[in-house]
């Protein structure tokens, strides 16, 4: 099984969080979270995070 890491900026400047992603990870939801975060859409971000939590639990 191939696994990948995704680098996410931390709240602390210059620091990163590494998220391990395996092939079963819902990358489409994660990519949507990144998009709505970049767009500064707090409502869509909250909904997308809730959807990701539901998928991985």
PDB file of N, CA and C in Angstrom:
ATOM      1  N   UNK A   1       0.845  -1.165   0.000  1.00  0.00           N
ATOM      2  CA  UNK A   1       0.000   0.000   0.000  1.00  0.00           C
ATOM      3  C   UNK A   1       0.899   1.239   0.000  1.00  0.00           C
ATOM      4  N   UNK A   2       0.654   2.126  -0.896  1.00  0.00           N
ATOM      5  CA  UNK A   2       1.430   3.354  -0.992  1.00  0.00           C
ATOM      6  C   UNK A   2       0.808   4.426  -0.106  1.00  0.00           C
ATOM      7  N   UNK A   3       1.672   5.181   0.576  1.00  0.00           N
ATOM      8  CA  UNK A   3       1.189   6.248   1.450  1.00  0.00           C
ATOM      9  C   UNK A   3       1.891   7.542   1.091  1.00  0.00           C
ATOM     10  N   UNK A   4       1.227   8.652   1.347  1.00  0.00           N
ATOM     11  CA  UNK A   4       1.748   9.962   1.022  1.00  0.00           C
ATOM     12  C   UNK A   4       1.634  10.869   2.242  1.00  0.00           C
ATOM     13  N   UNK A   5       2.417  11.901   2.260  1.00  0.00           N
ATOM     14  CA  UNK A   5       2.314  12.930   3.292  1.00  0.00           C
ATOM     15  C   UNK A   5       1.845  14.219   2.653  1.00  0.00           C
ATOM     16  N   UNK A   6       1.054  14.953   3.378  1.00  0.00           N
ATOM     17  CA  UNK A   6       0.625  16.276   2.940  1.00  0.00           C
ATOM     18  C   UNK A   6       1.120  17.278   3.977  1.00  0.00           C
ATOM     19  N   UNK A   7       1.750  18.331   3.519  1.00  0.00           N
ATOM     20  CA  UNK A   7       2.290  19.352   4.402  1.00  0.00           C
ATOM     21  C   UNK A   7       1.253  20.457   4.582  1.00  0.00           C
ATOM     22  N   UNK A   8       0.900  20.746   5.821  1.00  0.00           N
ATOM     23  CA  UNK A   8      -0.104  21.754   6.135  1.00  0.00           C
ATOM     24  C   UNK A   8       0.565  22.828   6.995  1.00  0.00           C
ATOM     25  N   UNK A   9       0.335  24.063   6.674  1.00  0.00           N
ATOM     26  CA  UNK A   9       0.896  25.154   7.480  1.00  0.00           C
ATOM     27  C   UNK A   9       0.296  25.134   8.875  1.00  0.00           C
ATOM     28  N   UNK A  10       1.136  25.332   9.856  1.00  0.00           N
ATOM     29  CA  UNK A  10       0.714  25.389  11.250  1.00  0.00           C
ATOM     30  C   UNK A  10       0.272  26.808  11.586  1.00  0.00           C
ATOM     31  N   UNK A  11      -0.367  26.965  12.721  1.00  0.00           N
ATOM     32  CA  UNK A  11      -0.715  28.298  13.198  1.00  0.00           C
ATOM     33  C   UNK A  11       0.544  29.087  13.534  1.00  0.00           C
ATOM     34  N   UNK A  12       1.612  28.371  13.857  1.00  0.00           N
ATOM     35  CA  UNK A  12       2.889  28.998  14.175  1.00  0.00           C
ATOM     36  C   UNK A  12       3.672  29.223  12.887  1.00  0.00           C
ATOM     37  N   UNK A  13       4.041  30.449  12.633  1.00  0.00           N
ATOM     38  CA  UNK A  13       4.731  30.814  11.403  1.00  0.00           C
ATOM     39  C   UNK A  13       5.996  29.974  11.215  1.00  0.00           C
ATOM     40  N   UNK A  14       6.128  29.427  10.018  1.00  0.00           N
ATOM     41  CA  UNK A  14       7.312  28.655   9.682  1.00  0.00           C
ATOM     42  C   UNK A  14       7.267  27.199  10.116  1.00  0.00           C
ATOM     43  N   UNK A  15       6.178  26.779  10.747  1.00  0.00           N
ATOM     44  CA  UNK A  15       6.044  25.393  11.177  1.00  0.00           C
ATOM     45  C   UNK A  15       4.972  24.699  10.335  1.00  0.00           C
ATOM     46  N   UNK A  16       5.121  23.381  10.196  1.00  0.00           N
ATOM     47  CA  UNK A  16       4.191  22.610   9.390  1.00  0.00           C
ATOM     48  C   UNK A  16       3.716  21.372  10.141  1.00  0.00           C
ATOM     49  N   UNK A  17       2.538  20.927   9.776  1.00  0.00           N
ATOM     50  CA  UNK A  17       1.976  19.680  10.277  1.00  0.00           C
ATOM     51  C   UNK A  17       1.975  18.732   9.078  1.00  0.00           C
ATOM     52  N   UNK A  18       2.384  17.486   9.303  1.00  0.00           N
ATOM     53  CA  UNK A  18       2.398  16.513   8.218  1.00  0.00           C
ATOM     54  C   UNK A  18       1.268  15.520   8.425  1.00  0.00           C
ATOM     55  N   UNK A  19       0.415  15.424   7.429  1.00  0.00           N
ATOM     56  CA  UNK A  19      -0.745  14.552   7.471  1.00  0.00           C
ATOM     57  C   UNK A  19      -0.452  13.341   6.593  1.00  0.00           C
ATOM     58  N   UNK A  20      -0.458  12.160   7.201  1.00  0.00           N
ATOM     59  CA  UNK A  20      -0.230  10.929   6.461  1.00  0.00           C
ATOM     60  C   UNK A  20      -1.516  10.553   5.729  1.00  0.00           C
ATOM     61  N   UNK A  21      -1.418  10.346   4.441  1.00  0.00           N
ATOM     62  CA  UNK A  21      -2.594  10.029   3.630  1.00  0.00           C
ATOM     63  C   UNK A  21      -2.371   8.691   2.953  1.00  0.00           C
ATOM     64  N   UNK A  22      -3.280   7.747   3.178  1.00  0.00           N
ATOM     65  CA  UNK A  22      -3.204   6.485   2.464  1.00  0.00           C
ATOM     66  C   UNK A  22      -4.268   6.494   1.358  1.00  0.00           C
ATOM     67  N   UNK A  23      -4.262   5.499   0.480  1.00  0.00           N
ATOM     68  CA  UNK A  23      -5.204   5.511  -0.661  1.00  0.00           C
ATOM     69  C   UNK A  23      -6.679   5.573  -0.289  1.00  0.00           C
ATOM     70  N   UNK A  24      -7.031   5.207   0.934  1.00  0.00           N
ATOM     71  CA  UNK A  24      -8.436   5.254   1.345  1.00  0.00           C
ATOM     72  C   UNK A  24      -8.842   6.624   1.881  1.00  0.00           C
ATOM     73  N   UNK A  25      -7.882   7.519   2.042  1.00  0.00           N
ATOM     74  CA  UNK A  25      -8.169   8.842   2.572  1.00  0.00           C
ATOM     75  C   UNK A  25      -9.050   9.619   1.598  1.00  0.00           C
ATOM     76  N   UNK A  26     -10.102  10.289   2.082  1.00  0.00           N
ATOM     77  CA  UNK A  26     -10.997  11.045   1.185  1.00  0.00           C
ATOM     78  C   UNK A  26     -10.347  12.360   0.712  1.00  0.00           C
ATOM     79  N   UNK A  27      -9.445  12.240  -0.250  1.00  0.00           N
ATOM     80  CA  UNK A  27      -8.679  13.394  -0.733  1.00  0.00           C
ATOM     81  C   UNK A  27      -9.577  14.480  -1.327  1.00  0.00           C
ATOM     82  N   UNK A  28     -10.693  14.090  -1.929  1.00  0.00           N
ATOM     83  CA  UNK A  28     -11.585  15.096  -2.510  1.00  0.00           C
ATOM     84  C   UNK A  28     -12.133  16.033  -1.431  1.00  0.00           C
ATOM     85  N   UNK A  29     -12.477  15.479  -0.278  1.00  0.00           N
ATOM     86  CA  UNK A  29     -12.979  16.312   0.815  1.00  0.00           C
ATOM     87  C   UNK A  29     -11.855  17.189   1.354  1.00  0.00           C
ATOM     88  N   UNK A  30     -10.668  16.612   1.527  1.00  0.00           N
ATOM     89  CA  UNK A  30      -9.527  17.380   2.014  1.00  0.00           C
ATOM     90  C   UNK A  30      -9.213  18.537   1.059  1.00  0.00           C
ATOM     91  N   UNK A  31      -9.214  18.265  -0.240  1.00  0.00           N
ATOM     92  CA  UNK A  31      -8.938  19.322  -1.221  1.00  0.00           C
ATOM     93  C   UNK A  31      -9.988  20.422  -1.164  1.00  0.00           C
ATOM     94  N   UNK A  32     -11.225  20.044  -0.891  1.00  0.00           N
ATOM     95  CA  UNK A  32     -12.286  21.051  -0.755  1.00  0.00           C
ATOM     96  C   UNK A  32     -12.039  21.907   0.486  1.00  0.00           C
ATOM     97  N   UNK A  33     -11.578  21.282   1.572  1.00  0.00           N
ATOM     98  CA  UNK A  33     -11.243  22.040   2.784  1.00  0.00           C
ATOM     99  C   UNK A  33     -10.165  23.067   2.482  1.00  0.00           C
ATOM    100  N   UNK A  34      -9.154  22.667   1.754  1.00  0.00           N
ATOM    101  CA  UNK A  34      -8.072  23.593   1.383  1.00  0.00           C
ATOM    102  C   UNK A  34      -8.627  24.745   0.544  1.00  0.00           C
ATOM    103  N   UNK A  35      -9.485  24.433  -0.401  1.00  0.00           N
ATOM    104  CA  UNK A  35     -10.052  25.469  -1.283  1.00  0.00           C
ATOM    105  C   UNK A  35     -10.896  26.483  -0.518  1.00  0.00           C
ATOM    106  N   UNK A  36     -11.787  25.992   0.338  1.00  0.00           N
ATOM    107  CA  UNK A  36     -12.650  26.923   1.062  1.00  0.00           C
ATOM    108  C   UNK A  36     -11.870  27.692   2.125  1.00  0.00           C
ATOM    109  N   UNK A  37     -10.817  27.084   2.634  1.00  0.00           N
ATOM    110  CA  UNK A  37      -9.945  27.790   3.575  1.00  0.00           C
ATOM    111  C   UNK A  37      -9.230  28.933   2.862  1.00  0.00           C
ATOM    112  N   UNK A  38      -8.706  28.652   1.671  1.00  0.00           N
ATOM    113  CA  UNK A  38      -8.045  29.694   0.872  1.00  0.00           C
ATOM    114  C   UNK A  38      -9.014  30.808   0.493  1.00  0.00           C
ATOM    115  N   UNK A  39     -10.275  30.441   0.300  1.00  0.00           N
ATOM    116  CA  UNK A  39     -11.290  31.418  -0.078  1.00  0.00           C
ATOM    117  C   UNK A  39     -11.872  32.155   1.132  1.00  0.00           C
ATOM    118  N   UNK A  40     -11.408  31.795   2.323  1.00  0.00           N
ATOM    119  CA  UNK A  40     -11.876  32.420   3.573  1.00  0.00           C
ATOM    120  C   UNK A  40     -13.398  32.319   3.716  1.00  0.00           C
ATOM    121  N   UNK A  41     -13.916  31.112   3.495  1.00  0.00           N
ATOM    122  CA  UNK A  41     -15.352  30.859   3.618  1.00  0.00           C
ATOM    123  C   UNK A  41     -15.589  30.011   4.869  1.00  0.00           C
ATOM    124  N   UNK A  42     -15.831  30.655   6.027  1.00  0.00           N
ATOM    125  CA  UNK A  42     -15.923  29.908   7.288  1.00  0.00           C
ATOM    126  C   UNK A  42     -17.091  28.922   7.354  1.00  0.00           C
ATOM    127  N   UNK A  43     -18.185  29.234   6.712  1.00  0.00           N
ATOM    128  CA  UNK A  43     -19.342  28.335   6.740  1.00  0.00           C
ATOM    129  C   UNK A  43     -19.029  27.061   5.962  1.00  0.00           C
ATOM    130  N   UNK A  44     -18.507  27.210   4.758  1.00  0.00           N
ATOM    131  CA  UNK A  44     -18.157  26.048   3.948  1.00  0.00           C
ATOM    132  C   UNK A  44     -17.031  25.252   4.599  1.00  0.00           C
ATOM    133  N   UNK A  45     -16.102  25.936   5.247  1.00  0.00           N
ATOM    134  CA  UNK A  45     -14.997  25.261   5.924  1.00  0.00           C
ATOM    135  C   UNK A  45     -15.530  24.382   7.056  1.00  0.00           C
ATOM    136  N   UNK A  46     -16.428  24.932   7.853  1.00  0.00           N
ATOM    137  CA  UNK A  46     -17.012  24.168   8.964  1.00  0.00           C
ATOM    138  C   UNK A  46     -17.750  22.930   8.447  1.00  0.00           C
ATOM    139  N   UNK A  47     -18.510  23.078   7.376  1.00  0.00           N
ATOM    140  CA  UNK A  47     -19.244  21.947   6.799  1.00  0.00           C
ATOM    141  C   UNK A  47     -18.299  20.894   6.231  1.00  0.00           C
ATOM    142  N   UNK A  48     -17.244  21.338   5.571  1.00  0.00           N
ATOM    143  CA  UNK A  48     -16.283  20.409   4.975  1.00  0.00           C
ATOM    144  C   UNK A  48     -15.507  19.638   6.036  1.00  0.00           C
ATOM    145  N   UNK A  49     -15.139  20.308   7.114  1.00  0.00           N
ATOM    146  CA  UNK A  49     -14.437  19.627   8.204  1.00  0.00           C
ATOM    147  C   UNK A  49     -15.353  18.586   8.850  1.00  0.00           C
ATOM    148  N   UNK A  50     -16.606  18.939   9.023  1.00  0.00           N
ATOM    149  CA  UNK A  50     -17.578  17.986   9.593  1.00  0.00           C
ATOM    150  C   UNK A  50     -17.727  16.763   8.675  1.00  0.00           C
ATOM    151  N   UNK A  51     -17.745  17.001   7.370  1.00  0.00           N
ATOM    152  CA  UNK A  51     -17.853  15.896   6.408  1.00  0.00           C
ATOM    153  C   UNK A  51     -16.620  15.000   6.475  1.00  0.00           C
ATOM    154  N   UNK A  52     -15.437  15.604   6.581  1.00  0.00           N
ATOM    155  CA  UNK A  52     -14.208  14.812   6.684  1.00  0.00           C
ATOM    156  C   UNK A  52     -14.224  13.970   7.961  1.00  0.00           C
ATOM    157  N   UNK A  53     -14.611  14.576   9.086  1.00  0.00           N
ATOM    158  CA  UNK A  53     -14.673  13.840  10.347  1.00  0.00           C
ATOM    159  C   UNK A  53     -15.617  12.644  10.232  1.00  0.00           C
ATOM    160  N   UNK A  54     -16.740  12.858   9.578  1.00  0.00           N
ATOM    161  CA  UNK A  54     -17.721  11.783   9.412  1.00  0.00           C
ATOM    162  C   UNK A  54     -17.135  10.642   8.561  1.00  0.00           C
ATOM    163  N   UNK A  55     -16.388  10.978   7.536  1.00  0.00           N
ATOM    164  CA  UNK A  55     -15.811   9.974   6.649  1.00  0.00           C
ATOM    165  C   UNK A  55     -14.702   9.160   7.312  1.00  0.00           C
ATOM    166  N   UNK A  56     -13.927   9.770   8.203  1.00  0.00           N
ATOM    167  CA  UNK A  56     -12.797   9.043   8.773  1.00  0.00           C
ATOM    168  C   UNK A  56     -13.105   8.392  10.113  1.00  0.00           C
ATOM    169  N   UNK A  57     -14.256   8.639  10.687  1.00  0.00           N
ATOM    170  CA  UNK A  57     -14.619   7.986  11.955  1.00  0.00           C
ATOM    171  C   UNK A  57     -15.450   6.774  11.717  1.00  0.00           C
TER     172      UNK A  57
END
